[in-house]
C-alpha atoms as a PDB file:
ATOM      1  CA  MET A   1       0.000   0.000   0.000  1.00  0.00           C
ATOM      2  CA  ALA A   2       1.796   3.143  -1.180  1.00  0.00           C
ATOM      3  CA  SER A   3       0.370   6.356   0.187  1.00  0.00           C
ATOM      4  CA  ASN A   4       1.662   9.425   1.955  1.00  0.00           C
ATOM      5  CA  ASP A   5      -1.066   8.841   4.539  1.00  0.00           C
ATOM      6  CA  THR A   6       0.417   5.531   5.710  1.00  0.00           C
ATOM      7  CA  VAL A   7       3.655   4.951   7.618  1.00  0.00           C
ATOM      8  CA  SER A   8       5.511   1.932   8.920  1.00  0.00           C
ATOM      9  CA  VAL A   9       7.402   2.658  12.136  1.00  0.00           C
ATOM     10  CA  THR A  10      10.334   0.410  13.049  1.00  0.00           C
ATOM     11  CA  ILE A  11      11.556   0.543  16.636  1.00  0.00           C
ATOM     12  CA  VAL A  12      14.676  -1.481  17.398  1.00  0.00           C
ATOM     13  CA  THR A  13      14.997  -2.483  21.019  1.00  0.00           C
ATOM     14  CA  PHE A  14      17.406  -4.326  23.268  1.00  0.00           C
ATOM     15  CA  ASN A  15      16.827  -4.613  27.018  1.00  0.00           C
ATOM     16  CA  SER A  16      14.941  -1.337  27.091  1.00  0.00           C
ATOM     17  CA  GLY A  17      11.835  -2.272  29.049  1.00  0.00           C
ATOM     18  CA  ARG A  18      12.217   0.806  31.248  1.00  0.00           C
ATOM     19  CA  TYR A  19      12.242   3.205  28.254  1.00  0.00           C
ATOM     20  CA  ILE A  20      10.249   1.677  25.413  1.00  0.00           C
ATOM     21  CA  LYS A  21       6.984   2.062  27.338  1.00  0.00           C
ATOM     22  CA  ARG A  22       7.165   5.865  27.069  1.00  0.00           C
ATOM     23  CA  CYS A  23       8.174   5.608  23.425  1.00  0.00           C
ATOM     24  CA  LEU A  24       5.142   3.454  22.594  1.00  0.00           C
ATOM     25  CA  GLU A  25       2.849   5.716  24.616  1.00  0.00           C
ATOM     26  CA  SER A  26       3.976   8.637  22.452  1.00  0.00           C
ATOM     27  CA  VAL A  27       3.215   6.655  19.291  1.00  0.00           C
ATOM     28  CA  LEU A  28      -0.204   5.743  20.692  1.00  0.00           C
ATOM     29  CA  ALA A  29      -0.946   9.477  21.098  1.00  0.00           C
ATOM     30  CA  GLN A  30      -0.160  10.319  17.453  1.00  0.00           C
ATOM     31  CA  LYS A  31      -2.489  12.283  15.225  1.00  0.00           C
ATOM     32  CA  GLY A  32      -2.634  11.746  11.495  1.00  0.00           C
ATOM     33  CA  PRO A  33      -1.794   8.881   9.189  1.00  0.00           C
ATOM     34  CA  GLN A  34      -2.557   5.195   9.284  1.00  0.00           C
ATOM     35  CA  VAL A  35       0.319   3.532  11.079  1.00  0.00           C
ATOM     36  CA  GLU A  36       1.777   0.092  11.605  1.00  0.00           C
ATOM     37  CA  ILE A  37       4.504  -0.512  14.171  1.00  0.00           C
ATOM     38  CA  VAL A  38       7.204  -3.143  13.906  1.00  0.00           C
ATOM     39  CA  VAL A  39       9.154  -3.595  17.132  1.00  0.00           C
ATOM     40  CA  VAL A  40      12.333  -5.527  16.374  1.00  0.00           C
ATOM     41  CA  ASP A  41      13.772  -7.173  19.478  1.00  0.00           C
ATOM     42  CA  ASN A  42      17.517  -7.686  19.077  1.00  0.00           C
ATOM     43  CA  GLY A  43      17.866 -10.292  21.834  1.00  0.00           C
ATOM     44  CA  SER A  44      16.351  -8.719  24.969  1.00  0.00           C
ATOM     45  CA  THR A  45      16.567 -10.656  28.218  1.00  0.00           C
ATOM     46  CA  ASP A  46      14.666  -8.192  30.417  1.00  0.00           C
ATOM     47  CA  ALA A  47      10.945  -7.310  30.534  1.00  0.00           C
ATOM     48  CA  THR A  48      10.942  -5.695  27.074  1.00  0.00           C
ATOM     49  CA  PRO A  49       8.854  -8.483  25.397  1.00  0.00           C
ATOM     50  CA  GLU A  50       6.151  -8.199  28.070  1.00  0.00           C
ATOM     51  CA  VAL A  51       5.972  -4.416  27.745  1.00  0.00           C
ATOM     52  CA  VAL A  52       5.631  -4.690  23.964  1.00  0.00           C
ATOM     53  CA  ARG A  53       2.937  -7.371  24.202  1.00  0.00           C
ATOM     54  CA  ASP A  54       0.883  -5.094  26.473  1.00  0.00           C
ATOM     55  CA  PHE A  55       0.827  -2.449  23.719  1.00  0.00           C
ATOM     56  CA  ALA A  56      -0.112  -4.920  20.995  1.00  0.00           C
ATOM     57  CA  GLU A  57      -3.710  -4.702  22.243  1.00  0.00           C
ATOM     58  CA  LYS A  58      -3.759  -0.903  21.780  1.00  0.00           C
ATOM     59  CA  LEU A  59      -1.675  -0.432  18.619  1.00  0.00           C
ATOM     60  CA  PRO A  60      -1.315  -2.109  15.195  1.00  0.00           C
ATOM     61  CA  LEU A  61       1.930  -3.597  16.441  1.00  0.00           C
ATOM     62  CA  ARG A  62       4.012  -6.645  15.612  1.00  0.00           C
ATOM     63  CA  ARG A  63       7.037  -7.867  17.536  1.00  0.00           C
ATOM     64  CA  VAL A  64       9.788  -9.410  15.433  1.00  0.00           C
ATOM     65  CA  GLU A  65      12.865 -11.160  16.807  1.00  0.00           C
ATOM     66  CA  GLU A  66      16.213 -10.561  15.106  1.00  0.00           C
ATOM     67  CA  ARG A  67      19.022 -12.637  16.598  1.00  0.00           C
ATOM     68  CA  ASN A  68      21.792 -11.267  14.376  1.00  0.00           C
ATOM     69  CA  PRO A  69      23.383  -8.618  16.612  1.00  0.00           C
ATOM     70  CA  GLY A  70      23.527  -5.017  15.520  1.00  0.00           C
ATOM     71  CA  LEU A  71      21.263  -2.037  15.088  1.00  0.00           C
ATOM     72  CA  HIS A  72      21.081  -2.167  11.324  1.00  0.00           C
ATOM     73  CA  ALA A  73      20.531  -5.893  11.061  1.00  0.00           C
ATOM     74  CA  ALA A  74      17.470  -5.187  13.190  1.00  0.00           C
ATOM     75  CA  ARG A  75      16.435  -2.184  11.088  1.00  0.00           C
ATOM     76  CA  HIS A  76      16.619  -4.310   7.951  1.00  0.00           C
ATOM     77  CA  ALA A  77      14.317  -6.829   9.638  1.00  0.00           C
ATOM     78  CA  GLY A  78      11.863  -4.010  10.276  1.00  0.00           C
ATOM     79  CA  MET A  79      12.074  -2.874   6.662  1.00  0.00           C
ATOM     80  CA  LYS A  80      11.461  -6.446   5.481  1.00  0.00           C
ATOM     81  CA  HIS A  81       8.274  -6.726   7.549  1.00  0.00           C
ATOM     82  CA  ALA A  82       6.977  -3.217   6.745  1.00  0.00           C
ATOM     83  CA  GLU A  83       3.867  -3.096   4.580  1.00  0.00           C
ATOM     84  CA  PHE A  84       3.897   0.608   3.733  1.00  0.00           C
ATOM     85  CA  GLU A  85       6.154   2.678   1.486  1.00  0.00           C
ATOM     86  CA  ASN A  86       7.018   5.417   3.973  1.00  0.00           C
ATOM     87  CA  LEU A  87       9.385   3.994   6.577  1.00  0.00           C
ATOM     88  CA  VAL A  88      10.105   5.643   9.913  1.00  0.00           C
ATOM     89  CA  PHE A  89      12.970   4.435  12.096  1.00  0.00           C
ATOM     90  CA  CYS A  90      13.323   5.585  15.678  1.00  0.00           C
ATOM     91  CA  ASP A  91      15.187   4.566  18.804  1.00  0.00           C
ATOM     92  CA  ASP A  92      13.370   2.894  21.677  1.00  0.00           C
ATOM     93  CA  ASP A  93      14.225   5.746  24.057  1.00  0.00           C
ATOM     94  CA  VAL A  94      12.642   8.618  22.125  1.00  0.00           C
ATOM     95  CA  ILE A  95       9.375  10.362  22.957  1.00  0.00           C
ATOM     96  CA  ALA A  96       7.695  11.626  19.804  1.00  0.00           C
ATOM     97  CA  ASP A  97       5.840  14.918  19.421  1.00  0.00           C
ATOM     98  CA  GLN A  98       2.100  14.415  18.927  1.00  0.00           C
ATOM     99  CA  VAL A  99       2.224  15.489  15.257  1.00  0.00           C
ATOM    100  CA  TRP A 100       5.410  13.536  14.497  1.00  0.00           C
ATOM    101  CA  LEU A 101       3.951  11.078  11.984  1.00  0.00           C
ATOM    102  CA  GLN A 102       1.508  13.623  10.559  1.00  0.00           C
ATOM    103  CA  SER A 103       4.433  15.964   9.831  1.00  0.00           C
ATOM    104  CA  ILE A 104       6.491  13.208   8.216  1.00  0.00           C
ATOM    105  CA  SER A 105       3.546  12.382   5.942  1.00  0.00           C
ATOM    106  CA  GLU A 106       3.200  16.052   4.997  1.00  0.00           C
ATOM    107  CA  ALA A 107       6.877  16.243   4.052  1.00  0.00           C
ATOM    108  CA  PHE A 108       6.573  13.166   1.837  1.00  0.00           C
ATOM    109  CA  ARG A 109       3.814  14.789  -0.233  1.00  0.00           C
ATOM    110  CA  ASP A 110       6.607  16.312  -2.310  1.00  0.00           C
ATOM    111  CA  ASP A 111       7.648  13.483  -4.647  1.00  0.00           C
ATOM    112  CA  ASP A 112      11.267  14.742  -4.718  1.00  0.00           C
ATOM    113  CA  VAL A 113      11.654  14.236  -0.967  1.00  0.00           C
ATOM    114  CA  VAL A 114      13.016  10.802  -0.031  1.00  0.00           C
ATOM    115  CA  LEU A 115      14.346  11.505   3.483  1.00  0.00           C
ATOM    116  CA  VAL A 116      12.648  13.344   6.366  1.00  0.00           C
ATOM    117  CA  GLY A 117      13.689  14.251   9.888  1.00  0.00           C
ATOM    118  CA  GLY A 118      13.110  16.799  12.621  1.00  0.00           C
ATOM    119  CA  ASN A 119      14.609  17.959  15.887  1.00  0.00           C
ATOM    120  CA  ASN A 120      16.027  15.405  18.316  1.00  0.00           C
ATOM    121  CA  ARG A 121      15.892  17.465  21.471  1.00  0.00           C
ATOM    122  CA  PRO A 122      17.727  16.079  24.512  1.00  0.00           C
ATOM    123  CA  LEU A 123      15.986  14.587  27.516  1.00  0.00           C
ATOM    124  CA  PHE A 124      18.821  14.506  30.034  1.00  0.00           C
ATOM    125  CA  ASP A 125      18.469  11.943  32.828  1.00  0.00           C
ATOM    126  CA  THR A 126      20.721  13.877  35.212  1.00  0.00           C
ATOM    127  CA  PRO A 127      22.179  17.398  35.472  1.00  0.00           C
ATOM    128  CA  VAL A 128      24.431  18.163  32.527  1.00  0.00           C
ATOM    129  CA  PRO A 129      28.174  18.568  33.251  1.00  0.00           C
ATOM    130  CA  GLY A 130      29.512  22.034  32.496  1.00  0.00           C
ATOM    131  CA  TRP A 131      31.846  20.899  29.702  1.00  0.00           C
ATOM    132  CA  LEU A 132      28.996  19.098  27.965  1.00  0.00           C
ATOM    133  CA  LYS A 133      26.603  22.043  28.318  1.00  0.00           C
ATOM    134  CA  ARG A 134      29.170  24.398  26.760  1.00  0.00           C
ATOM    135  CA  TRP A 135      29.584  22.004  23.847  1.00  0.00           C
ATOM    136  CA  TRP A 136      25.828  21.617  23.326  1.00  0.00           C
ATOM    137  CA  ASP A 137      25.319  25.385  23.488  1.00  0.00           C
ATOM    138  CA  ARG A 138      27.739  26.108  20.634  1.00  0.00           C
ATOM    139  CA  PRO A 139      25.910  27.436  17.534  1.00  0.00           C
ATOM    140  CA  PHE A 140      25.650  25.027  14.616  1.00  0.00           C
ATOM    141  CA  ALA A 141      23.731  25.388  11.323  1.00  0.00           C
ATOM    142  CA  GLY A 142      21.446  28.014  12.804  1.00  0.00           C
ATOM    143  CA  GLY A 143      20.762  25.893  15.875  1.00  0.00           C
ATOM    144  CA  ARG A 144      22.597  23.312  17.970  1.00  0.00           C
ATOM    145  CA  ALA A 145      23.816  19.793  17.302  1.00  0.00           C
ATOM    146  CA  MET A 146      25.877  17.044  18.902  1.00  0.00           C
ATOM    147  CA  SER A 147      26.204  13.991  16.692  1.00  0.00           C
ATOM    148  CA  TYR A 148      27.790  11.761  19.355  1.00  0.00           C
ATOM    149  CA  LEU A 149      24.561  11.980  21.366  1.00  0.00           C
ATOM    150  CA  SER A 150      22.270  12.212  18.305  1.00  0.00           C
ATOM    151  CA  ILE A 151      20.752  15.433  19.610  1.00  0.00           C
ATOM    152  CA  LEU A 152      19.787  18.283  17.308  1.00  0.00           C
ATOM    153  CA  ASP A 153      17.737  21.455  17.602  1.00  0.00           C
ATOM    154  CA  LEU A 154      17.350  23.552  14.447  1.00  0.00           C
ATOM    155  CA  GLY A 155      14.301  25.473  15.622  1.00  0.00           C
ATOM    156  CA  GLU A 156      10.972  25.713  13.837  1.00  0.00           C
ATOM    157  CA  GLY A 157      10.041  25.470  10.175  1.00  0.00           C
ATOM    158  CA  VAL A 158      10.011  23.258   7.100  1.00  0.00           C
ATOM    159  CA  PHE A 159      13.030  23.393   4.804  1.00  0.00           C
ATOM    160  CA  ASP A 160      15.469  21.290   2.813  1.00  0.00           C
ATOM    161  CA  ILE A 161      18.452  20.052   4.797  1.00  0.00           C
ATOM    162  CA  ASP A 162      21.736  18.279   4.246  1.00  0.00           C
ATOM    163  CA  PRO A 163      20.865  14.555   4.521  1.00  0.00           C
ATOM    164  CA  GLY A 164      23.792  14.053   6.880  1.00  0.00           C
ATOM    165  CA  LEU A 165      21.851  15.973   9.544  1.00  0.00           C
ATOM    166  CA  ILE A 166      19.041  13.415   9.701  1.00  0.00           C
ATOM    167  CA  TRP A 167      20.125  10.764  12.188  1.00  0.00           C
ATOM    168  CA  GLY A 168      18.952   7.254  12.889  1.00  0.00           C
ATOM    169  CA  CYS A 169      17.041   7.972  16.087  1.00  0.00           C
ATOM    170  CA  ASN A 170      14.491   9.879  13.965  1.00  0.00           C
ATOM    171  CA  PHE A 171      14.910   8.855  10.325  1.00  0.00           C
ATOM    172  CA  ALA A 172      12.128   8.568   7.744  1.00  0.00           C
ATOM    173  CA  MET A 173      12.748   7.338   4.198  1.00  0.00           C
ATOM    174  CA  ARG A 174      10.899   5.975   1.205  1.00  0.00           C
ATOM    175  CA  LYS A 175      11.224   2.201   1.141  1.00  0.00           C
ATOM    176  CA  ALA A 176      11.932   2.052  -2.602  1.00  0.00           C
ATOM    177  CA  PHE A 177      14.913   4.386  -2.267  1.00  0.00           C
ATOM    178  CA  LEU A 178      16.361   2.603   0.759  1.00  0.00           C
ATOM    179  CA  THR A 179      16.025  -0.732  -1.018  1.00  0.00           C
ATOM    180  CA  GLU A 180      17.638   0.635  -4.176  1.00  0.00           C
ATOM    181  CA  VAL A 181      20.760   1.819  -2.328  1.00  0.00           C
ATOM    182  CA  GLY A 182      21.127  -1.452  -0.427  1.00  0.00           C
ATOM    183  CA  GLY A 183      20.000  -0.343   3.003  1.00  0.00           C
ATOM    184  CA  PHE A 184      22.240   0.558   5.928  1.00  0.00           C
ATOM    185  CA  HIS A 185      25.800  -0.521   6.551  1.00  0.00           C
ATOM    186  CA  PRO A 186      26.600  -2.360   9.810  1.00  0.00           C
ATOM    187  CA  ASP A 187      26.637  -0.135  12.867  1.00  0.00           C
ATOM    188  CA  ALA A 188      26.135  -0.189  16.650  1.00  0.00           C
ATOM    189  CA  LEU A 189      27.472  -3.708  17.013  1.00  0.00           C
ATOM    190  CA  PRO A 190      28.378  -5.309  20.355  1.00  0.00           C
ATOM    191  CA  ASN A 191      31.802  -4.232  21.609  1.00  0.00           C
ATOM    192  CA  GLU A 192      33.396  -7.568  20.793  1.00  0.00           C
ATOM    193  CA  MET A 193      32.432  -7.017  17.119  1.00  0.00           C
ATOM    194  CA  LEU A 194      33.509  -3.378  16.987  1.00  0.00           C
ATOM    195  CA  ARG A 195      36.125  -4.033  14.297  1.00  0.00           C
ATOM    196  CA  TYR A 196      33.310  -5.050  11.917  1.00  0.00           C
ATOM    197  CA  ARG A 197      31.492  -1.769  12.351  1.00  0.00           C
ATOM    198  CA  GLY A 198      30.379   0.078   9.225  1.00  0.00           C
ATOM    199  CA  ASP A 199      29.013   3.594   8.848  1.00  0.00           C
ATOM    200  CA  GLY A 200      25.298   3.182   9.412  1.00  0.00           C
ATOM    201  CA  GLU A 201      23.255   5.854   7.651  1.00  0.00           C
ATOM    202  CA  THR A 202      26.243   7.642   6.086  1.00  0.00           C
ATOM    203  CA  ALA A 203      26.116   5.739   2.785  1.00  0.00           C
ATOM    204  CA  VAL A 204      22.366   6.342   2.578  1.00  0.00           C
ATOM    205  CA  SER A 205      22.893  10.077   3.149  1.00  0.00           C
ATOM    206  CA  ASP A 206      25.595  10.115   0.476  1.00  0.00           C
ATOM    207  CA  ALA A 207      23.217   8.371  -1.938  1.00  0.00           C
ATOM    208  CA  VAL A 208      20.572  11.051  -1.344  1.00  0.00           C
ATOM    209  CA  ARG A 209      23.134  13.792  -2.133  1.00  0.00           C
ATOM    210  CA  ARG A 210      24.137  12.092  -5.389  1.00  0.00           C
ATOM    211  CA  SER A 211      20.617  11.245  -6.472  1.00  0.00           C
ATOM    212  CA  GLY A 212      19.191  14.712  -7.009  1.00  0.00           C
ATOM    213  CA  TYR A 213      16.384  13.908  -4.565  1.00  0.00           C
ATOM    214  CA  ARG A 214      15.937  15.962  -1.416  1.00  0.00           C
ATOM    215  CA  ALA A 215      16.049  15.618   2.348  1.00  0.00           C
ATOM    216  CA  ARG A 216      13.568  17.714   4.312  1.00  0.00           C
ATOM    217  CA  PHE A 217      13.517  19.005   7.864  1.00  0.00           C
ATOM    218  CA  HIS A 218      10.074  19.425   9.444  1.00  0.00           C
ATOM    219  CA  SER A 219       9.999  20.740  13.001  1.00  0.00           C
ATOM    220  CA  GLY A 220       6.707  18.935  13.597  1.00  0.00           C
ATOM    221  CA  ALA A 221       8.559  15.655  13.006  1.00  0.00           C
ATOM    222  CA  SER A 222      10.520  16.041  16.230  1.00  0.00           C
ATOM    223  CA  VAL A 223      11.284  13.807  19.186  1.00  0.00           C
ATOM    224  CA  MET A 224      12.810  14.015  22.622  1.00  0.00           C
ATOM    225  CA  HIS A 225      15.872  11.763  22.771  1.00  0.00           C
ATOM    226  CA  ARG A 226      16.938  10.404  26.147  1.00  0.00           C
ATOM    227  CA  VAL A 227      20.535  10.993  27.222  1.00  0.00           C
ATOM    228  CA  THR A 228      21.504   8.743  30.120  1.00  0.00           C
ATOM    229  CA  ALA A 229      24.053   9.586  32.798  1.00  0.00           C
ATOM    230  CA  GLU A 230      26.441   6.988  31.331  1.00  0.00           C
ATOM    231  CA  ARG A 231      26.566   8.924  28.063  1.00  0.00           C
ATOM    232  CA  MET A 232      27.437  12.196  29.771  1.00  0.00           C
ATOM    233  CA  THR A 233      30.964  11.107  30.668  1.00  0.00           C
ATOM    234  CA  VAL A 234      34.401  11.602  29.179  1.00  0.00           C
ATOM    235  CA  GLU A 235      34.762   7.809  29.029  1.00  0.00           C
ATOM    236  CA  TYR A 236      31.686   7.509  26.818  1.00  0.00           C
ATOM    237  CA  PHE A 237      32.954  10.172  24.432  1.00  0.00           C
ATOM    238  CA  ARG A 238      36.322   8.406  24.194  1.00  0.00           C
ATOM    239  CA  SER A 239      34.692   5.087  23.270  1.00  0.00           C
ATOM    240  CA  ARG A 240      32.280   6.829  20.915  1.00  0.00           C
ATOM    241  CA  SER A 241      35.207   8.579  19.211  1.00  0.00           C
ATOM    242  CA  GLU A 242      36.939   5.237  18.689  1.00  0.00           C
ATOM    243  CA  ALA A 243      33.807   3.786  17.117  1.00  0.00           C
ATOM    244  CA  GLN A 244      33.422   6.854  14.908  1.00  0.00           C
ATOM    245  CA  GLY A 245      37.006   6.476  13.742  1.00  0.00           C
ATOM    246  CA  ILE A 246      36.261   2.926  12.593  1.00  0.00           C
ATOM    247  CA  SER A 247      33.122   4.129  10.793  1.00  0.00           C
ATOM    248  CA  ASP A 248      34.979   6.982   9.097  1.00  0.00           C
ATOM    249  CA  SER A 249      37.693   4.562   7.934  1.00  0.00           C
ATOM    250  CA  TYR A 250      34.985   2.324   6.473  1.00  0.00           C
ATOM    251  CA  THR A 251      33.490   5.320   4.655  1.00  0.00           C
ATOM    252  CA  ASP A 252      36.875   6.406   3.271  1.00  0.00           C
ATOM    253  CA  LEU A 253      37.714   2.910   2.027  1.00  0.00           C
ATOM    254  CA  ARG A 254      34.310   2.496   0.389  1.00  0.00           C
ATOM    255  CA  ARG A 255      34.563   5.864  -1.339  1.00  0.00           C
END
């Protein structure tokens, strides 16, 4: 069923029973298009399956198990099971604005738009360290951005955007285009598989730039993205920098 008034939402989860409940509640509160939800469980051992089953009575929701480890293996499973043409990928710890899916559908009404995103505003679990606040407060592209935490605030409006500024925690794309470019490269693997890490959405963003199609920012298509205390440490940024270095090497070699 191909229509701008239908969306397939893929939520990848792993041991996130304490967070995915709020994410699903925000999807339940959506206004707008017909929606199906594919929750891809990447090997949870906590209460996540029970939380998801509780929502299956309230939402058009399916739970899919994907045992191959890694974020993008799970996202590909969601894409495989999606019935609709407009795909929305989000993290299990986001809380979506009430017009999130409605705004994504509006952006896709332009046939030249193949990628849509919005703000990913931070929801900090604990007080923000001074060094991190100074970094987040630095101006960027008319707003603020911090890629290592996947947080972004470009204000209000609807406008074309560099595809590299639409990140996986809030990433909407036409299924035909994503299939044509071969999907995502490996990313967010367990630590013991870090050397096999690819570059995630980067190749997809590059393909959008080369294609002549457009990426669109819509401030209505925004989410709150949780930032845990563990991610507000120097140690996290060191490990994240190492992982990014591997991804950038993969990108350079592929190019």
